[in-house]
Amino acid sequence: MGDHEPIDSGSFPMKRSVSQATVDLFEFEKKLSARQLVRIAGVDEAGRGPLAGPVAAAAVVLPSVWYQQGLPVALRGLNDSKQLTESERERFYELIISSSEVEFAISLVEADEIDRINILRASLLAMNRALRQLRSTPDHVLVDGNQKTSTEWDQTAVVKGDSRSYSIAAASVLAKVTRDRVMLEHDGRYPCYGFASHKGYGTPQHLAALAVHGPCPIHRRSFAPLRPVNLELF
């Protein structure tokens, strides 16, 4: 985080979608800044559903001047990572992390910890860890979803926030790209599972590989179909 060049507003121009053209994705940030809350962190996670690998989370603080001026041209089109192509996510990821104007932090919670505390707690833990890694405490946190991460910060939970707030959208891109890259690394370590293509989700290819090879060290043993079945005795 930090020592990078500002985003060149003339680079990578992209068209905004119809929904983004009609909805102000800085609405939440503007309302908070009107209350003198200017360091606003968006936070999101990626990887709650897969059978393998970590859950990733990112926290992003965009410069408050953008709330009124809008995104630099290079970042227009930024959206929920699920609505972007892989190449778009990679492009936005590089632009976000290379900007000296953007503060961010990324955290992972690995499969063994997910098994110990469950995936919901692991997701919240990853988001809290990312928030704690920011250079200073945010004035307010916008969290994707319907649940706040903790009482440690003033927060607003925003359902579908990754498509309603640029701060959360930026966090969703960093979390998703980070996790995808981790799963590509794991594909090199455990090539028989096909992690490069499905990123650990329970696709037919992945389930077939599990049936043949069994789980590897990054599989979540608490997830069905990996969780042992406890048979009741009658």
C-alpha atoms as a PDB file:
ATOM      1  CA  MET A   1       0.000   0.000   0.000  1.00  0.00           C
ATOM      2  CA  GLY A   2       1.226   3.408  -0.576  1.00  0.00           C
ATOM      3  CA  ASP A   3       4.333   4.379  -2.524  1.00  0.00           C
ATOM      4  CA  HIS A   4       2.994   4.246  -6.076  1.00  0.00           C
ATOM      5  CA  GLU A   5       2.237   6.678  -8.843  1.00  0.00           C
ATOM      6  CA  PRO A   6      -1.229   8.306  -9.122  1.00  0.00           C
ATOM      7  CA  ILE A   7      -3.633   6.758 -11.596  1.00  0.00           C
ATOM      8  CA  ASP A   8      -3.316   8.289 -15.042  1.00  0.00           C
ATOM      9  CA  SER A   9      -6.849   9.456 -15.713  1.00  0.00           C
ATOM     10  CA  GLY A  10      -6.271   9.156 -19.437  1.00  0.00           C
ATOM     11  CA  SER A  11      -5.393   5.463 -19.350  1.00  0.00           C
ATOM     12  CA  PHE A  12      -7.693   2.527 -20.091  1.00  0.00           C
ATOM     13  CA  PRO A  13     -10.919   4.468 -20.793  1.00  0.00           C
ATOM     14  CA  MET A  14     -13.931   2.241 -20.268  1.00  0.00           C
ATOM     15  CA  LYS A  15     -17.638   2.751 -20.814  1.00  0.00           C
ATOM     16  CA  ARG A  16     -19.895   2.745 -17.790  1.00  0.00           C
ATOM     17  CA  SER A  17     -22.744   0.264 -17.688  1.00  0.00           C
ATOM     18  CA  VAL A  18     -26.323   1.501 -17.860  1.00  0.00           C
ATOM     19  CA  SER A  19     -26.868   0.737 -14.158  1.00  0.00           C
ATOM     20  CA  GLN A  20     -23.733   2.615 -13.146  1.00  0.00           C
ATOM     21  CA  ALA A  21     -24.654   5.557 -15.372  1.00  0.00           C
ATOM     22  CA  THR A  22     -27.959   5.989 -13.546  1.00  0.00           C
ATOM     23  CA  VAL A  23     -26.929   5.082  -9.984  1.00  0.00           C
ATOM     24  CA  ASP A  24     -24.466   7.124  -7.958  1.00  0.00           C
ATOM     25  CA  LEU A  25     -21.978   4.576  -6.608  1.00  0.00           C
ATOM     26  CA  PHE A  26     -20.581   7.239  -4.292  1.00  0.00           C
ATOM     27  CA  GLU A  27     -23.981   7.861  -2.679  1.00  0.00           C
ATOM     28  CA  PHE A  28     -23.045   6.224   0.627  1.00  0.00           C
ATOM     29  CA  GLU A  29     -19.643   7.906   0.711  1.00  0.00           C
ATOM     30  CA  LYS A  30     -21.155  11.342   0.025  1.00  0.00           C
ATOM     31  CA  LYS A  31     -23.707  10.978   2.816  1.00  0.00           C
ATOM     32  CA  LEU A  32     -21.003   9.942   5.268  1.00  0.00           C
ATOM     33  CA  SER A  33     -18.611  12.704   4.218  1.00  0.00           C
ATOM     34  CA  ALA A  34     -21.410  15.230   4.786  1.00  0.00           C
ATOM     35  CA  ARG A  35     -21.198  14.110   8.429  1.00  0.00           C
ATOM     36  CA  GLN A  36     -17.442  14.811   8.403  1.00  0.00           C
ATOM     37  CA  LEU A  37     -16.628  11.115   8.026  1.00  0.00           C
ATOM     38  CA  VAL A  38     -14.092  11.253   5.214  1.00  0.00           C
ATOM     39  CA  ARG A  39     -11.858   8.182   5.668  1.00  0.00           C
ATOM     40  CA  ILE A  40     -14.357   5.599   4.474  1.00  0.00           C
ATOM     41  CA  ALA A  41     -13.225   2.025   3.979  1.00  0.00           C
ATOM     42  CA  GLY A  42     -15.049  -0.410   1.734  1.00  0.00           C
ATOM     43  CA  VAL A  43     -14.565  -4.058   2.676  1.00  0.00           C
ATOM     44  CA  ASP A  44     -15.523  -7.289   0.932  1.00  0.00           C
ATOM     45  CA  GLU A  45     -14.528 -10.942   0.804  1.00  0.00           C
ATOM     46  CA  ALA A  46     -14.154 -13.617  -1.863  1.00  0.00           C
ATOM     47  CA  GLY A  47     -14.220 -17.376  -1.574  1.00  0.00           C
ATOM     48  CA  ARG A  48     -16.900 -18.315   0.935  1.00  0.00           C
ATOM     49  CA  GLY A  49     -18.328 -21.112  -1.212  1.00  0.00           C
ATOM     50  CA  PRO A  50     -15.374 -23.151  -2.531  1.00  0.00           C
ATOM     51  CA  LEU A  51     -14.386 -26.543  -1.174  1.00  0.00           C
ATOM     52  CA  ALA A  52     -10.698 -25.605  -1.139  1.00  0.00           C
ATOM     53  CA  GLY A  53      -8.372 -22.701  -0.540  1.00  0.00           C
ATOM     54  CA  PRO A  54      -8.563 -19.581   1.606  1.00  0.00           C
ATOM     55  CA  VAL A  55     -11.207 -16.937   1.981  1.00  0.00           C
ATOM     56  CA  ALA A  56      -9.765 -13.552   0.977  1.00  0.00           C
ATOM     57  CA  ALA A  57     -10.804 -10.087   2.095  1.00  0.00           C
ATOM     58  CA  ALA A  58      -9.772  -6.572   1.151  1.00  0.00           C
ATOM     59  CA  ALA A  59     -10.301  -3.140   2.636  1.00  0.00           C
ATOM     60  CA  VAL A  60     -10.006  -0.069   0.404  1.00  0.00           C
ATOM     61  CA  VAL A  61     -10.035   3.640   1.227  1.00  0.00           C
ATOM     62  CA  LEU A  62     -10.540   5.772  -1.878  1.00  0.00           C
ATOM     63  CA  PRO A  63      -9.562   9.458  -1.783  1.00  0.00           C
ATOM     64  CA  SER A  64     -12.448  11.599  -0.536  1.00  0.00           C
ATOM     65  CA  VAL A  65     -12.008  14.059  -3.409  1.00  0.00           C
ATOM     66  CA  TRP A  66     -13.283  11.339  -5.738  1.00  0.00           C
ATOM     67  CA  TYR A  67     -16.668  11.341  -3.970  1.00  0.00           C
ATOM     68  CA  GLN A  68     -17.490  14.671  -5.629  1.00  0.00           C
ATOM     69  CA  GLN A  69     -15.269  14.581  -8.714  1.00  0.00           C
ATOM     70  CA  GLY A  70     -16.003  10.973  -9.657  1.00  0.00           C
ATOM     71  CA  LEU A  71     -13.613   8.163 -10.492  1.00  0.00           C
ATOM     72  CA  PRO A  72     -10.602   8.789 -12.717  1.00  0.00           C
ATOM     73  CA  VAL A  73     -11.358   7.795 -16.291  1.00  0.00           C
ATOM     74  CA  ALA A  74      -9.121   4.739 -15.921  1.00  0.00           C
ATOM     75  CA  LEU A  75     -11.362   3.301 -13.220  1.00  0.00           C
ATOM     76  CA  ARG A  76     -14.728   4.021 -14.777  1.00  0.00           C
ATOM     77  CA  GLY A  77     -16.585   0.781 -15.225  1.00  0.00           C
ATOM     78  CA  LEU A  78     -15.423  -0.455 -11.825  1.00  0.00           C
ATOM     79  CA  ASN A  79     -18.115  -2.719 -10.437  1.00  0.00           C
ATOM     80  CA  ASP A  80     -18.830  -5.832  -8.419  1.00  0.00           C
ATOM     81  CA  SER A  81     -16.041  -8.239  -9.340  1.00  0.00           C
ATOM     82  CA  LYS A  82     -18.618 -10.878 -10.344  1.00  0.00           C
ATOM     83  CA  GLN A  83     -19.902  -8.516 -13.046  1.00  0.00           C
ATOM     84  CA  LEU A  84     -16.452  -8.061 -14.581  1.00  0.00           C
ATOM     85  CA  THR A  85     -14.446 -10.290 -16.889  1.00  0.00           C
ATOM     86  CA  GLU A  86     -11.179 -11.740 -15.652  1.00  0.00           C
ATOM     87  CA  SER A  87      -9.186  -9.284 -17.770  1.00  0.00           C
ATOM     88  CA  GLU A  88     -11.217  -6.351 -16.424  1.00  0.00           C
ATOM     89  CA  ARG A  89     -10.660  -7.494 -12.852  1.00  0.00           C
ATOM     90  CA  GLU A  90      -6.932  -7.808 -13.455  1.00  0.00           C
ATOM     91  CA  ARG A  91      -6.813  -4.340 -15.031  1.00  0.00           C
ATOM     92  CA  PHE A  92      -8.677  -2.694 -12.171  1.00  0.00           C
ATOM     93  CA  TYR A  93      -6.606  -4.589  -9.615  1.00  0.00           C
ATOM     94  CA  GLU A  94      -3.355  -3.244 -11.032  1.00  0.00           C
ATOM     95  CA  LEU A  95      -4.724   0.293 -11.275  1.00  0.00           C
ATOM     96  CA  ILE A  96      -5.994   0.258  -7.696  1.00  0.00           C
ATOM     97  CA  ILE A  97      -2.870  -1.152  -6.044  1.00  0.00           C
ATOM     98  CA  SER A  98      -0.520   1.082  -8.082  1.00  0.00           C
ATOM     99  CA  SER A  99      -2.211   4.341  -7.092  1.00  0.00           C
ATOM    100  CA  SER A 100      -0.584   6.431  -4.351  1.00  0.00           C
ATOM    101  CA  GLU A 101      -4.017   7.960  -3.731  1.00  0.00           C
ATOM    102  CA  VAL A 102      -5.647   4.665  -2.750  1.00  0.00           C
ATOM    103  CA  GLU A 103      -5.032   2.902   0.556  1.00  0.00           C
ATOM    104  CA  PHE A 104      -5.711  -0.816   0.743  1.00  0.00           C
ATOM    105  CA  ALA A 105      -5.020  -3.981   2.692  1.00  0.00           C
ATOM    106  CA  ILE A 106      -5.633  -7.650   1.896  1.00  0.00           C
ATOM    107  CA  SER A 107      -5.984 -10.632   4.226  1.00  0.00           C
ATOM    108  CA  LEU A 108      -6.364 -14.397   3.858  1.00  0.00           C
ATOM    109  CA  VAL A 109      -7.813 -16.977   6.219  1.00  0.00           C
ATOM    110  CA  GLU A 110      -6.644 -20.458   5.252  1.00  0.00           C
ATOM    111  CA  ALA A 111      -8.633 -23.690   5.034  1.00  0.00           C
ATOM    112  CA  ASP A 112      -7.485 -25.127   8.363  1.00  0.00           C
ATOM    113  CA  GLU A 113      -8.647 -22.014  10.206  1.00  0.00           C
ATOM    114  CA  ILE A 114     -11.929 -22.059   8.276  1.00  0.00           C
ATOM    115  CA  ASP A 115     -12.454 -25.624   9.508  1.00  0.00           C
ATOM    116  CA  ARG A 116     -11.778 -24.594  13.099  1.00  0.00           C
ATOM    117  CA  ILE A 117     -14.061 -21.563  13.305  1.00  0.00           C
ATOM    118  CA  ASN A 118     -16.514 -22.015  10.348  1.00  0.00           C
ATOM    119  CA  ILE A 119     -16.696 -20.056   7.109  1.00  0.00           C
ATOM    120  CA  LEU A 120     -18.868 -17.182   8.362  1.00  0.00           C
ATOM    121  CA  ARG A 121     -16.510 -16.389  11.221  1.00  0.00           C
ATOM    122  CA  ALA A 122     -13.527 -16.861   8.919  1.00  0.00           C
ATOM    123  CA  SER A 123     -14.977 -14.369   6.417  1.00  0.00           C
ATOM    124  CA  LEU A 124     -15.563 -11.795   9.149  1.00  0.00           C
ATOM    125  CA  LEU A 125     -12.094 -12.462  10.554  1.00  0.00           C
ATOM    126  CA  ALA A 126     -10.488 -11.891   7.137  1.00  0.00           C
ATOM    127  CA  MET A 127     -12.323  -8.576   6.739  1.00  0.00           C
ATOM    128  CA  ASN A 128     -11.366  -7.461  10.251  1.00  0.00           C
ATOM    129  CA  ARG A 129      -7.728  -8.355   9.640  1.00  0.00           C
ATOM    130  CA  ALA A 130      -7.711  -6.332   6.424  1.00  0.00           C
ATOM    131  CA  LEU A 131      -9.239  -3.331   8.202  1.00  0.00           C
ATOM    132  CA  ARG A 132      -6.644  -3.533  10.995  1.00  0.00           C
ATOM    133  CA  GLN A 133      -3.839  -3.476   8.414  1.00  0.00           C
ATOM    134  CA  LEU A 134      -4.857  -0.049   7.083  1.00  0.00           C
ATOM    135  CA  ARG A 135      -2.453   2.747   7.963  1.00  0.00           C
ATOM    136  CA  SER A 136      -4.944   4.402  10.312  1.00  0.00           C
ATOM    137  CA  THR A 137      -8.423   3.712  11.618  1.00  0.00           C
ATOM    138  CA  PRO A 138     -11.200   4.538   9.117  1.00  0.00           C
ATOM    139  CA  ASP A 139     -13.911   6.992  10.142  1.00  0.00           C
ATOM    140  CA  HIS A 140     -16.533   4.559   8.869  1.00  0.00           C
ATOM    141  CA  VAL A 141     -16.660   1.160   7.184  1.00  0.00           C
ATOM    142  CA  LEU A 142     -18.996   0.057   4.383  1.00  0.00           C
ATOM    143  CA  VAL A 143     -19.368  -3.724   4.486  1.00  0.00           C
ATOM    144  CA  ASP A 144     -20.747  -5.815   1.663  1.00  0.00           C
ATOM    145  CA  GLY A 145     -23.690  -7.932   2.794  1.00  0.00           C
ATOM    146  CA  ASN A 146     -26.178  -7.861   5.632  1.00  0.00           C
ATOM    147  CA  GLN A 147     -23.818  -8.366   8.561  1.00  0.00           C
ATOM    148  CA  LYS A 148     -21.286  -6.046  10.185  1.00  0.00           C
ATOM    149  CA  THR A 149     -17.799  -7.434  10.773  1.00  0.00           C
ATOM    150  CA  SER A 150     -17.490  -6.366  14.427  1.00  0.00           C
ATOM    151  CA  THR A 151     -18.129  -3.521  16.848  1.00  0.00           C
ATOM    152  CA  GLU A 152     -14.547  -2.328  16.451  1.00  0.00           C
ATOM    153  CA  TRP A 153     -15.471   0.287  13.840  1.00  0.00           C
ATOM    154  CA  ASP A 154     -18.533   2.369  12.979  1.00  0.00           C
ATOM    155  CA  GLN A 155     -20.033   0.381  10.120  1.00  0.00           C
ATOM    156  CA  THR A 156     -22.858   0.173   7.638  1.00  0.00           C
ATOM    157  CA  ALA A 157     -23.770  -3.191   6.115  1.00  0.00           C
ATOM    158  CA  VAL A 158     -24.836  -2.711   2.502  1.00  0.00           C
ATOM    159  CA  VAL A 159     -26.703  -5.555   0.787  1.00  0.00           C
ATOM    160  CA  LYS A 160     -25.236  -6.024  -2.701  1.00  0.00           C
ATOM    161  CA  GLY A 161     -22.798  -3.311  -1.718  1.00  0.00           C
ATOM    162  CA  ASP A 162     -20.221  -4.375  -4.289  1.00  0.00           C
ATOM    163  CA  SER A 163     -22.575  -3.050  -6.990  1.00  0.00           C
ATOM    164  CA  ARG A 164     -23.746  -0.003  -4.971  1.00  0.00           C
ATOM    165  CA  SER A 165     -20.490   1.490  -3.655  1.00  0.00           C
ATOM    166  CA  TYR A 166     -17.222   2.080  -5.484  1.00  0.00           C
ATOM    167  CA  SER A 167     -15.318   1.608  -2.215  1.00  0.00           C
ATOM    168  CA  ILE A 168     -16.798  -1.877  -1.764  1.00  0.00           C
ATOM    169  CA  ALA A 169     -16.447  -2.673  -5.473  1.00  0.00           C
ATOM    170  CA  ALA A 170     -12.737  -1.875  -5.310  1.00  0.00           C
ATOM    171  CA  ALA A 171     -12.389  -4.174  -2.290  1.00  0.00           C
ATOM    172  CA  SER A 172     -14.278  -6.937  -4.082  1.00  0.00           C
ATOM    173  CA  VAL A 173     -11.874  -6.756  -7.037  1.00  0.00           C
ATOM    174  CA  LEU A 174      -8.781  -6.924  -4.816  1.00  0.00           C
ATOM    175  CA  ALA A 175     -10.174  -9.853  -2.830  1.00  0.00           C
ATOM    176  CA  LYS A 176     -11.272 -11.808  -5.907  1.00  0.00           C
ATOM    177  CA  VAL A 177      -8.067 -11.322  -7.894  1.00  0.00           C
ATOM    178  CA  THR A 178      -5.912 -12.129  -4.884  1.00  0.00           C
ATOM    179  CA  ARG A 179      -7.773 -15.353  -4.201  1.00  0.00           C
ATOM    180  CA  ASP A 180      -7.752 -16.400  -7.863  1.00  0.00           C
ATOM    181  CA  ARG A 181      -3.983 -15.899  -7.977  1.00  0.00           C
ATOM    182  CA  VAL A 182      -3.535 -17.987  -4.837  1.00  0.00           C
ATOM    183  CA  MET A 183      -5.566 -20.790  -6.396  1.00  0.00           C
ATOM    184  CA  LEU A 184      -3.415 -20.654  -9.536  1.00  0.00           C
ATOM    185  CA  GLU A 185      -0.376 -21.176  -7.322  1.00  0.00           C
ATOM    186  CA  HIS A 186      -2.089 -24.132  -5.665  1.00  0.00           C
ATOM    187  CA  ASP A 187      -2.853 -25.575  -9.088  1.00  0.00           C
ATOM    188  CA  GLY A 188       0.898 -25.872  -9.621  1.00  0.00           C
ATOM    189  CA  ARG A 189       1.267 -27.708  -6.301  1.00  0.00           C
ATOM    190  CA  TYR A 190      -1.755 -29.984  -6.716  1.00  0.00           C
ATOM    191  CA  PRO A 191      -2.336 -30.235 -10.485  1.00  0.00           C
ATOM    192  CA  CYS A 192      -4.698 -33.202 -10.379  1.00  0.00           C
ATOM    193  CA  TYR A 193      -7.621 -31.124  -9.016  1.00  0.00           C
ATOM    194  CA  GLY A 194      -7.894 -28.468 -11.733  1.00  0.00           C
ATOM    195  CA  PHE A 195      -7.793 -25.488  -9.362  1.00  0.00           C
ATOM    196  CA  ALA A 196      -6.753 -23.188 -12.218  1.00  0.00           C
ATOM    197  CA  SER A 197     -10.121 -23.610 -13.900  1.00  0.00           C
ATOM    198  CA  HIS A 198     -12.611 -23.807 -11.009  1.00  0.00           C
ATOM    199  CA  LYS A 199     -10.673 -22.020  -8.201  1.00  0.00           C
ATOM    200  CA  GLY A 200     -11.789 -24.637  -5.684  1.00  0.00           C
ATOM    201  CA  TYR A 201     -15.534 -24.508  -6.287  1.00  0.00           C
ATOM    202  CA  GLY A 202     -17.460 -27.768  -6.326  1.00  0.00           C
ATOM    203  CA  THR A 203     -17.663 -28.286 -10.069  1.00  0.00           C
ATOM    204  CA  PRO A 204     -18.179 -31.771 -11.570  1.00  0.00           C
ATOM    205  CA  GLN A 205     -14.483 -31.767 -12.542  1.00  0.00           C
ATOM    206  CA  HIS A 206     -13.442 -30.980  -8.986  1.00  0.00           C
ATOM    207  CA  LEU A 207     -15.782 -33.559  -7.438  1.00  0.00           C
ATOM    208  CA  ALA A 208     -14.540 -36.213  -9.849  1.00  0.00           C
ATOM    209  CA  ALA A 209     -10.939 -35.438  -8.904  1.00  0.00           C
ATOM    210  CA  LEU A 210     -11.836 -35.675  -5.216  1.00  0.00           C
ATOM    211  CA  ALA A 211     -13.436 -39.079  -5.804  1.00  0.00           C
ATOM    212  CA  VAL A 212     -10.194 -40.341  -7.330  1.00  0.00           C
ATOM    213  CA  HIS A 213      -7.522 -38.572  -5.282  1.00  0.00           C
ATOM    214  CA  GLY A 214      -9.230 -37.615  -2.037  1.00  0.00           C
ATOM    215  CA  PRO A 215      -8.641 -34.225  -0.410  1.00  0.00           C
ATOM    216  CA  CYS A 216      -5.327 -32.369  -0.353  1.00  0.00           C
ATOM    217  CA  PRO A 217      -3.977 -30.054   2.389  1.00  0.00           C
ATOM    218  CA  ILE A 218      -5.902 -26.989   1.174  1.00  0.00           C
ATOM    219  CA  HIS A 219      -9.320 -28.653   1.131  1.00  0.00           C
ATOM    220  CA  ARG A 220     -11.891 -27.529   3.688  1.00  0.00           C
ATOM    221  CA  ARG A 221     -12.643 -30.699   5.626  1.00  0.00           C
ATOM    222  CA  SER A 222     -15.691 -29.135   7.295  1.00  0.00           C
ATOM    223  CA  PHE A 223     -17.455 -28.667   3.937  1.00  0.00           C
ATOM    224  CA  ALA A 224     -19.729 -31.290   2.404  1.00  0.00           C
ATOM    225  CA  PRO A 225     -18.854 -33.599   0.656  1.00  0.00           C
ATOM    226  CA  LEU A 226     -15.532 -33.573   2.554  1.00  0.00           C
ATOM    227  CA  ARG A 227     -17.107 -33.514   6.015  1.00  0.00           C
ATOM    228  CA  PRO A 228     -17.230 -36.979   7.629  1.00  0.00           C
ATOM    229  CA  VAL A 229     -20.716 -38.402   8.003  1.00  0.00           C
ATOM    230  CA  ASN A 230     -21.635 -39.265  11.567  1.00  0.00           C
ATOM    231  CA  LEU A 231     -23.970 -42.222  11.496  1.00  0.00           C
ATOM    232  CA  GLU A 232     -26.454 -42.379  14.341  1.00  0.00           C
ATOM    233  CA  LEU A 233     -26.829 -45.706  16.063  1.00  0.00           C
ATOM    234  CA  PHE A 234     -30.356 -46.902  16.715  1.00  0.00           C
END
